[in-house]
Amino acid sequence: MLLDGVDHIAILTKDTNRLCDWYGEIFDAEVEGVSGPPEGDGVTLTFLRLGPHTEFNVFQIEGNDEASRQTPMFGRGRIDHFGLRASSLENFELLRDRLIAAGATDGFVTDFGPVLSVFFRDPEGLEGEVVVANPDAKRGVVNPPGTPAARYS
């Protein structure tokens, strides 16, 4: 492999503090820096560290209401959602519990075969997914979306 994962995902928000606080509470994300708007520019860029090699570049742009638009899955353009990989099954379960407590997911876990998955929506309505290697995977078995994971039934 020539790559070592996803470096960053750029997202738009109406409220940088709310979004960074939410990802901090759920995922232990940390703000690494803020590029304040140059005079008259109206653009603030915040670097939100999600993991050792992954961050969100959070843009708050004065007058931009793009973050308010919501469309159904597969109608969102070229990038529909993003997936974050949990570092262990225990951390997957911790994140799932935090997402349920935050009202960001119903907690349904899909068994895709090689990975387990739980979808969530962040405060901007952006669809995300947390995945982890499936300890119950059977070699060569791949399941369709919506297949319930037996360990979470």
N, C-alpha and C. Protein backbone atom coordinates (compact mmCIF):
# COMPACT_ATOMS: atom_id res chain seq x y z
N MET A 1 0.83 -1.18 0.00
CA MET A 1 0.00 0.00 0.00
C MET A 1 0.88 1.25 0.00
N LEU A 2 0.47 2.23 -0.76
CA LEU A 2 1.20 3.48 -0.82
C LEU A 2 0.66 4.51 0.17
N LEU A 3 -0.54 4.27 0.71
CA LEU A 3 -1.15 5.22 1.62
C LEU A 3 -1.27 4.64 3.02
N ASP A 4 -1.43 5.54 3.99
CA ASP A 4 -1.57 5.13 5.39
C ASP A 4 -2.87 5.68 5.97
N GLY A 5 -3.97 5.57 5.23
CA GLY A 5 -5.27 6.01 5.72
C GLY A 5 -5.65 7.38 5.20
N VAL A 6 -6.71 7.93 5.79
CA VAL A 6 -7.25 9.22 5.42
C VAL A 6 -6.56 10.30 6.24
N ASP A 7 -6.07 11.35 5.60
CA ASP A 7 -5.42 12.45 6.31
C ASP A 7 -6.46 13.40 6.88
N HIS A 8 -7.37 13.91 6.05
CA HIS A 8 -8.38 14.82 6.56
C HIS A 8 -9.63 14.79 5.67
N ILE A 9 -10.70 15.28 6.25
CA ILE A 9 -11.95 15.49 5.55
C ILE A 9 -12.36 16.93 5.84
N ALA A 10 -12.66 17.70 4.81
CA ALA A 10 -13.08 19.08 4.98
C ALA A 10 -14.60 19.12 5.08
N ILE A 11 -15.10 19.79 6.13
CA ILE A 11 -16.55 19.90 6.32
C ILE A 11 -16.93 21.34 6.63
N LEU A 12 -18.18 21.67 6.33
CA LEU A 12 -18.71 23.00 6.60
C LEU A 12 -19.61 22.95 7.83
N THR A 13 -19.60 24.03 8.61
CA THR A 13 -20.45 24.11 9.79
C THR A 13 -20.97 25.53 9.95
N LYS A 14 -22.07 25.65 10.68
CA LYS A 14 -22.60 26.95 11.07
C LYS A 14 -22.05 27.34 12.44
N ASP A 15 -21.55 26.35 13.20
CA ASP A 15 -21.15 26.58 14.58
C ASP A 15 -19.95 25.69 14.92
N THR A 16 -18.76 26.22 14.71
CA THR A 16 -17.52 25.47 14.92
C THR A 16 -17.41 24.95 16.34
N ASN A 17 -17.69 25.79 17.32
CA ASN A 17 -17.55 25.37 18.72
C ASN A 17 -18.45 24.20 19.04
N ARG A 18 -19.72 24.25 18.61
CA ARG A 18 -20.65 23.15 18.87
C ARG A 18 -20.14 21.86 18.24
N LEU A 19 -19.70 21.95 16.98
CA LEU A 19 -19.24 20.75 16.28
C LEU A 19 -17.99 20.17 16.93
N CYS A 20 -17.02 21.02 17.27
CA CYS A 20 -15.78 20.55 17.89
C CYS A 20 -16.05 19.98 19.29
N ASP A 21 -16.95 20.61 20.04
CA ASP A 21 -17.31 20.09 21.36
C ASP A 21 -17.94 18.71 21.24
N TRP A 22 -18.83 18.53 20.25
CA TRP A 22 -19.52 17.25 20.07
C TRP A 22 -18.52 16.14 19.72
N TYR A 23 -17.64 16.40 18.75
CA TYR A 23 -16.65 15.38 18.39
C TYR A 23 -15.66 15.15 19.53
N GLY A 24 -15.42 16.16 20.33
CA GLY A 24 -14.58 15.99 21.51
C GLY A 24 -15.22 15.07 22.53
N GLU A 25 -16.51 15.27 22.78
CA GLU A 25 -17.23 14.44 23.76
C GLU A 25 -17.38 13.00 23.30
N ILE A 26 -17.67 12.80 22.03
CA ILE A 26 -17.92 11.44 21.52
C ILE A 26 -16.61 10.72 21.20
N PHE A 27 -15.73 11.37 20.45
CA PHE A 27 -14.55 10.71 19.89
C PHE A 27 -13.23 11.13 20.53
N ASP A 28 -13.28 11.95 21.58
CA ASP A 28 -12.06 12.49 22.22
C ASP A 28 -11.23 13.31 21.23
N ALA A 29 -11.88 13.90 20.23
CA ALA A 29 -11.18 14.73 19.25
C ALA A 29 -10.67 16.00 19.92
N GLU A 30 -9.57 16.53 19.39
CA GLU A 30 -8.95 17.72 19.98
C GLU A 30 -8.68 18.76 18.90
N VAL A 31 -8.99 20.01 19.24
CA VAL A 31 -8.68 21.12 18.34
C VAL A 31 -7.17 21.34 18.37
N GLU A 32 -6.56 21.31 17.18
CA GLU A 32 -5.11 21.51 17.09
C GLU A 32 -4.74 22.92 16.70
N GLY A 33 -5.66 23.63 16.13
CA GLY A 33 -5.36 25.00 15.74
C GLY A 33 -6.53 25.63 15.01
N VAL A 34 -6.50 26.96 14.98
CA VAL A 34 -7.54 27.72 14.31
C VAL A 34 -6.88 28.76 13.45
N SER A 35 -7.30 28.83 12.21
CA SER A 35 -6.84 29.87 11.30
C SER A 35 -7.97 30.88 11.21
N GLY A 36 -7.83 31.98 11.96
CA GLY A 36 -8.87 32.99 12.02
C GLY A 36 -9.08 33.67 10.69
N PRO A 37 -10.24 34.27 10.52
CA PRO A 37 -10.51 34.92 9.24
C PRO A 37 -9.66 36.17 9.05
N PRO A 38 -8.99 36.26 7.90
CA PRO A 38 -8.32 37.53 7.60
C PRO A 38 -9.38 38.63 7.56
N GLU A 39 -8.99 39.83 7.79
CA GLU A 39 -9.95 40.93 7.85
C GLU A 39 -10.85 40.93 6.62
N GLY A 40 -12.16 40.85 6.87
CA GLY A 40 -13.14 40.89 5.80
C GLY A 40 -13.35 39.58 5.07
N ASP A 41 -12.57 38.55 5.37
CA ASP A 41 -12.65 37.27 4.67
C ASP A 41 -13.88 36.48 5.09
N GLY A 42 -14.17 36.39 6.40
CA GLY A 42 -15.34 35.67 6.90
C GLY A 42 -15.17 34.16 6.93
N VAL A 43 -13.95 33.65 6.76
CA VAL A 43 -13.71 32.21 6.77
C VAL A 43 -12.83 31.86 7.96
N THR A 44 -13.30 30.91 8.77
CA THR A 44 -12.50 30.38 9.87
C THR A 44 -12.26 28.90 9.60
N LEU A 45 -11.02 28.48 9.69
CA LEU A 45 -10.64 27.08 9.50
C LEU A 45 -10.10 26.55 10.82
N THR A 46 -10.72 25.48 11.32
CA THR A 46 -10.29 24.84 12.56
C THR A 46 -9.83 23.43 12.24
N PHE A 47 -8.67 23.06 12.78
CA PHE A 47 -8.11 21.73 12.59
C PHE A 47 -8.49 20.88 13.80
N LEU A 48 -9.32 19.86 13.55
CA LEU A 48 -9.83 18.99 14.62
C LEU A 48 -9.23 17.61 14.46
N ARG A 49 -8.33 17.22 15.36
CA ARG A 49 -7.61 15.94 15.31
C ARG A 49 -8.53 14.82 15.79
N LEU A 50 -8.75 13.81 14.93
CA LEU A 50 -9.58 12.65 15.25
C LEU A 50 -8.77 11.43 15.63
N GLY A 51 -7.55 11.35 15.13
CA GLY A 51 -6.69 10.20 15.38
C GLY A 51 -5.28 10.55 14.99
N PRO A 52 -4.36 9.60 15.09
CA PRO A 52 -2.96 9.91 14.84
C PRO A 52 -2.68 10.44 13.44
N HIS A 53 -3.50 10.07 12.47
CA HIS A 53 -3.26 10.48 11.09
C HIS A 53 -4.49 11.10 10.44
N THR A 54 -5.52 11.42 11.22
CA THR A 54 -6.79 11.84 10.64
C THR A 54 -7.33 13.07 11.34
N GLU A 55 -7.80 14.02 10.54
CA GLU A 55 -8.42 15.21 11.12
C GLU A 55 -9.55 15.69 10.24
N PHE A 56 -10.42 16.51 10.84
CA PHE A 56 -11.40 17.28 10.09
C PHE A 56 -10.83 18.67 9.92
N ASN A 57 -10.97 19.21 8.73
CA ASN A 57 -10.72 20.63 8.50
C ASN A 57 -12.10 21.26 8.51
N VAL A 58 -12.43 21.95 9.60
CA VAL A 58 -13.77 22.49 9.82
C VAL A 58 -13.79 23.95 9.36
N PHE A 59 -14.63 24.23 8.36
CA PHE A 59 -14.76 25.58 7.82
C PHE A 59 -16.07 26.20 8.28
N GLN A 60 -15.98 27.38 8.88
CA GLN A 60 -17.16 28.18 9.15
C GLN A 60 -17.03 29.42 8.29
N ILE A 61 -17.99 29.59 7.35
CA ILE A 61 -17.91 30.65 6.35
C ILE A 61 -19.12 31.56 6.52
N GLU A 62 -18.85 32.81 6.83
CA GLU A 62 -19.90 33.79 7.03
C GLU A 62 -20.79 33.86 5.79
N GLY A 63 -22.11 33.70 6.01
CA GLY A 63 -23.07 33.80 4.92
C GLY A 63 -23.28 32.52 4.12
N ASN A 64 -22.51 31.48 4.39
CA ASN A 64 -22.65 30.22 3.66
C ASN A 64 -23.63 29.33 4.43
N ASP A 65 -24.73 28.92 3.79
CA ASP A 65 -25.73 28.09 4.47
C ASP A 65 -25.72 26.64 3.97
N GLU A 66 -24.66 26.25 3.29
CA GLU A 66 -24.56 24.89 2.74
C GLU A 66 -24.69 23.83 3.84
N ALA A 67 -24.19 24.11 5.05
CA ALA A 67 -24.26 23.14 6.14
C ALA A 67 -25.71 22.85 6.57
N SER A 68 -26.65 23.70 6.18
CA SER A 68 -28.05 23.52 6.57
C SER A 68 -28.81 22.56 5.66
N ARG A 69 -28.29 22.33 4.45
CA ARG A 69 -28.99 21.46 3.50
C ARG A 69 -28.88 20.01 3.90
N GLN A 70 -29.98 19.29 3.79
CA GLN A 70 -29.98 17.86 4.07
C GLN A 70 -30.66 17.14 2.91
N THR A 71 -30.05 16.07 2.47
CA THR A 71 -30.63 15.23 1.43
C THR A 71 -30.46 13.78 1.84
N PRO A 72 -31.29 12.90 1.31
CA PRO A 72 -31.20 11.49 1.70
C PRO A 72 -29.93 10.82 1.20
N MET A 73 -29.63 9.68 1.81
CA MET A 73 -28.45 8.91 1.43
C MET A 73 -28.44 8.65 -0.07
N PHE A 74 -27.27 8.74 -0.65
CA PHE A 74 -26.99 8.56 -2.07
C PHE A 74 -27.52 9.71 -2.93
N GLY A 75 -27.99 10.79 -2.28
CA GLY A 75 -28.40 11.98 -3.00
C GLY A 75 -27.56 13.17 -2.58
N ARG A 76 -26.44 12.92 -1.91
CA ARG A 76 -25.63 13.97 -1.31
C ARG A 76 -24.45 14.41 -2.15
N GLY A 77 -24.32 13.92 -3.33
CA GLY A 77 -23.19 14.31 -4.14
C GLY A 77 -22.14 13.20 -4.18
N ARG A 78 -20.95 13.55 -4.59
CA ARG A 78 -19.90 12.55 -4.80
C ARG A 78 -19.44 11.89 -3.50
N ILE A 79 -19.43 12.64 -2.40
CA ILE A 79 -19.11 12.03 -1.11
C ILE A 79 -20.39 11.97 -0.29
N ASP A 80 -20.83 10.77 0.01
CA ASP A 80 -22.10 10.56 0.69
C ASP A 80 -21.96 10.56 2.21
N HIS A 81 -20.93 9.91 2.71
CA HIS A 81 -20.69 9.85 4.15
C HIS A 81 -19.21 9.51 4.36
N PHE A 82 -18.78 9.56 5.61
CA PHE A 82 -17.40 9.20 5.91
C PHE A 82 -17.39 8.09 6.93
N GLY A 83 -16.33 7.28 6.90
CA GLY A 83 -16.19 6.18 7.85
C GLY A 83 -14.94 6.36 8.69
N LEU A 84 -15.09 6.15 9.98
CA LEU A 84 -13.97 6.21 10.92
C LEU A 84 -13.74 4.81 11.46
N ARG A 85 -12.48 4.41 11.56
CA ARG A 85 -12.15 3.06 12.04
C ARG A 85 -11.80 3.12 13.52
N ALA A 86 -12.55 2.37 14.33
CA ALA A 86 -12.24 2.25 15.76
C ALA A 86 -10.98 1.42 15.93
N SER A 87 -10.19 1.74 16.95
CA SER A 87 -8.91 1.06 17.15
C SER A 87 -9.06 -0.33 17.77
N SER A 88 -10.25 -0.62 18.32
CA SER A 88 -10.48 -1.94 18.93
C SER A 88 -11.99 -2.15 19.06
N LEU A 89 -12.40 -3.40 19.30
CA LEU A 89 -13.80 -3.70 19.53
C LEU A 89 -14.29 -2.96 20.78
N GLU A 90 -13.46 -2.90 21.80
CA GLU A 90 -13.86 -2.20 23.03
C GLU A 90 -14.11 -0.73 22.77
N ASN A 91 -13.26 -0.09 21.95
CA ASN A 91 -13.46 1.31 21.63
C ASN A 91 -14.66 1.52 20.70
N PHE A 92 -14.92 0.57 19.82
CA PHE A 92 -16.12 0.61 18.99
C PHE A 92 -17.36 0.64 19.88
N GLU A 93 -17.37 -0.24 20.89
CA GLU A 93 -18.52 -0.31 21.79
C GLU A 93 -18.66 0.96 22.63
N LEU A 94 -17.53 1.51 23.05
CA LEU A 94 -17.55 2.78 23.80
C LEU A 94 -18.11 3.90 22.91
N LEU A 95 -17.64 3.99 21.67
CA LEU A 95 -18.14 5.02 20.76
C LEU A 95 -19.62 4.82 20.45
N ARG A 96 -20.03 3.59 20.27
CA ARG A 96 -21.45 3.30 20.02
C ARG A 96 -22.29 3.78 21.20
N ASP A 97 -21.85 3.47 22.42
CA ASP A 97 -22.58 3.91 23.62
C ASP A 97 -22.66 5.44 23.69
N ARG A 98 -21.56 6.11 23.40
CA ARG A 98 -21.55 7.58 23.42
C ARG A 98 -22.48 8.15 22.36
N LEU A 99 -22.48 7.56 21.17
CA LEU A 99 -23.34 8.03 20.10
C LEU A 99 -24.82 7.82 20.44
N ILE A 100 -25.15 6.71 21.05
CA ILE A 100 -26.53 6.46 21.49
C ILE A 100 -26.93 7.50 22.53
N ALA A 101 -26.06 7.72 23.53
CA ALA A 101 -26.36 8.69 24.59
C ALA A 101 -26.54 10.10 24.03
N ALA A 102 -25.83 10.42 22.95
CA ALA A 102 -25.94 11.75 22.34
C ALA A 102 -27.14 11.86 21.41
N GLY A 103 -27.86 10.75 21.20
CA GLY A 103 -29.00 10.77 20.29
C GLY A 103 -28.59 10.81 18.83
N ALA A 104 -27.36 10.42 18.53
CA ALA A 104 -26.83 10.49 17.17
C ALA A 104 -27.05 9.21 16.39
N THR A 105 -27.48 8.14 17.05
CA THR A 105 -27.73 6.86 16.40
C THR A 105 -28.73 6.06 17.22
N ASP A 106 -29.39 5.11 16.55
CA ASP A 106 -30.24 4.17 17.29
C ASP A 106 -29.42 2.98 17.78
N GLY A 107 -28.15 2.92 17.39
CA GLY A 107 -27.25 1.88 17.86
C GLY A 107 -27.21 0.63 17.02
N PHE A 108 -27.99 0.59 15.93
CA PHE A 108 -28.00 -0.61 15.08
C PHE A 108 -26.61 -0.88 14.53
N VAL A 109 -26.15 -2.12 14.69
CA VAL A 109 -24.84 -2.52 14.19
C VAL A 109 -25.02 -3.47 13.01
N THR A 110 -24.44 -3.08 11.88
CA THR A 110 -24.48 -3.90 10.68
C THR A 110 -23.27 -4.82 10.65
N ASP A 111 -23.52 -6.08 10.30
CA ASP A 111 -22.45 -7.06 10.09
C ASP A 111 -22.21 -7.12 8.59
N PHE A 112 -21.15 -6.44 8.14
CA PHE A 112 -20.80 -6.46 6.72
C PHE A 112 -19.92 -7.66 6.38
N GLY A 113 -19.64 -8.51 7.35
CA GLY A 113 -18.74 -9.64 7.15
C GLY A 113 -17.40 -9.32 7.76
N PRO A 114 -16.50 -8.67 7.01
CA PRO A 114 -15.18 -8.36 7.56
C PRO A 114 -15.20 -7.28 8.64
N VAL A 115 -16.23 -6.40 8.60
CA VAL A 115 -16.30 -5.32 9.59
C VAL A 115 -17.70 -5.21 10.17
N LEU A 116 -17.75 -4.65 11.38
CA LEU A 116 -19.00 -4.23 12.01
C LEU A 116 -19.11 -2.73 11.82
N SER A 117 -20.34 -2.22 11.75
CA SER A 117 -20.54 -0.82 11.43
C SER A 117 -21.73 -0.24 12.19
N VAL A 118 -21.58 1.00 12.67
CA VAL A 118 -22.70 1.75 13.22
C VAL A 118 -22.68 3.13 12.58
N PHE A 119 -23.83 3.56 12.07
CA PHE A 119 -23.96 4.87 11.44
C PHE A 119 -24.43 5.89 12.46
N PHE A 120 -24.07 7.16 12.23
CA PHE A 120 -24.50 8.25 13.10
C PHE A 120 -24.63 9.53 12.30
N ARG A 121 -25.27 10.52 12.90
CA ARG A 121 -25.35 11.88 12.34
C ARG A 121 -24.76 12.85 13.35
N ASP A 122 -23.89 13.72 12.85
CA ASP A 122 -23.30 14.72 13.75
C ASP A 122 -24.24 15.93 13.87
N PRO A 123 -23.87 16.94 14.65
CA PRO A 123 -24.78 18.08 14.86
C PRO A 123 -25.12 18.84 13.58
N GLU A 124 -24.31 18.73 12.54
CA GLU A 124 -24.61 19.39 11.26
C GLU A 124 -25.47 18.51 10.37
N GLY A 125 -25.77 17.28 10.82
CA GLY A 125 -26.53 16.35 10.01
C GLY A 125 -25.68 15.52 9.07
N LEU A 126 -24.35 15.66 9.18
CA LEU A 126 -23.43 14.91 8.33
C LEU A 126 -23.45 13.44 8.76
N GLU A 127 -23.60 12.57 7.79
CA GLU A 127 -23.65 11.13 8.05
C GLU A 127 -22.24 10.58 8.22
N GLY A 128 -22.03 9.87 9.31
CA GLY A 128 -20.76 9.22 9.56
C GLY A 128 -20.98 7.77 9.94
N GLU A 129 -19.89 7.04 9.97
CA GLU A 129 -19.95 5.61 10.26
C GLU A 129 -18.70 5.25 11.06
N VAL A 130 -18.87 4.42 12.07
CA VAL A 130 -17.72 3.88 12.80
C VAL A 130 -17.66 2.40 12.47
N VAL A 131 -16.49 1.94 12.05
CA VAL A 131 -16.31 0.53 11.71
C VAL A 131 -15.19 -0.06 12.56
N VAL A 132 -15.21 -1.38 12.69
CA VAL A 132 -14.16 -2.10 13.40
C VAL A 132 -14.07 -3.49 12.78
N ALA A 133 -12.89 -4.08 12.83
CA ALA A 133 -12.73 -5.46 12.36
C ALA A 133 -13.71 -6.35 13.12
N ASN A 134 -14.38 -7.23 12.38
CA ASN A 134 -15.39 -8.11 12.96
C ASN A 134 -14.73 -9.36 13.53
N PRO A 135 -14.77 -9.53 14.87
CA PRO A 135 -14.16 -10.72 15.45
C PRO A 135 -14.89 -12.01 15.11
N ASP A 136 -16.14 -11.88 14.61
CA ASP A 136 -16.94 -13.05 14.25
C ASP A 136 -16.94 -13.32 12.75
N ALA A 137 -16.09 -12.62 12.00
CA ALA A 137 -16.08 -12.75 10.54
C ALA A 137 -15.71 -14.17 10.11
N LYS A 138 -16.34 -14.57 9.02
CA LYS A 138 -16.02 -15.85 8.39
C LYS A 138 -15.38 -15.54 7.05
N ARG A 139 -14.26 -16.14 6.80
CA ARG A 139 -13.48 -15.88 5.59
C ARG A 139 -14.36 -15.99 4.34
N GLY A 140 -14.31 -14.97 3.50
CA GLY A 140 -15.05 -14.98 2.24
C GLY A 140 -16.50 -14.57 2.33
N VAL A 141 -17.01 -14.33 3.53
CA VAL A 141 -18.42 -13.96 3.70
C VAL A 141 -18.53 -12.44 3.76
N VAL A 142 -19.33 -11.89 2.86
CA VAL A 142 -19.62 -10.46 2.83
C VAL A 142 -21.14 -10.32 2.86
N ASN A 143 -21.64 -9.51 3.79
CA ASN A 143 -23.08 -9.34 3.97
C ASN A 143 -23.54 -7.99 3.42
N PRO A 144 -24.80 -7.92 2.98
CA PRO A 144 -25.33 -6.65 2.46
C PRO A 144 -25.65 -5.67 3.59
N PRO A 145 -25.80 -4.38 3.24
CA PRO A 145 -26.20 -3.40 4.24
C PRO A 145 -27.49 -3.82 4.94
N GLY A 146 -27.59 -3.54 6.21
CA GLY A 146 -28.79 -3.88 6.98
C GLY A 146 -28.75 -5.24 7.64
N THR A 147 -27.66 -6.02 7.44
CA THR A 147 -27.53 -7.32 8.09
C THR A 147 -27.20 -7.09 9.56
N PRO A 148 -28.09 -7.49 10.48
CA PRO A 148 -27.83 -7.24 11.89
C PRO A 148 -26.67 -8.09 12.42
N ALA A 149 -25.84 -7.47 13.24
CA ALA A 149 -24.73 -8.19 13.87
C ALA A 149 -25.27 -8.98 15.05
N ALA A 150 -25.04 -10.29 15.03
CA ALA A 150 -25.60 -11.18 16.05
C ALA A 150 -25.18 -10.76 17.47
N ARG A 151 -23.96 -10.29 17.65
CA ARG A 151 -23.50 -9.95 19.01
C ARG A 151 -24.20 -8.74 19.57
N TYR A 152 -24.94 -7.96 18.74
CA TYR A 152 -25.66 -6.77 19.22
C TYR A 152 -27.18 -6.90 19.08
N SER A 153 -27.66 -8.11 18.81
CA SER A 153 -29.10 -8.31 18.65
C SER A 153 -29.81 -8.41 19.97
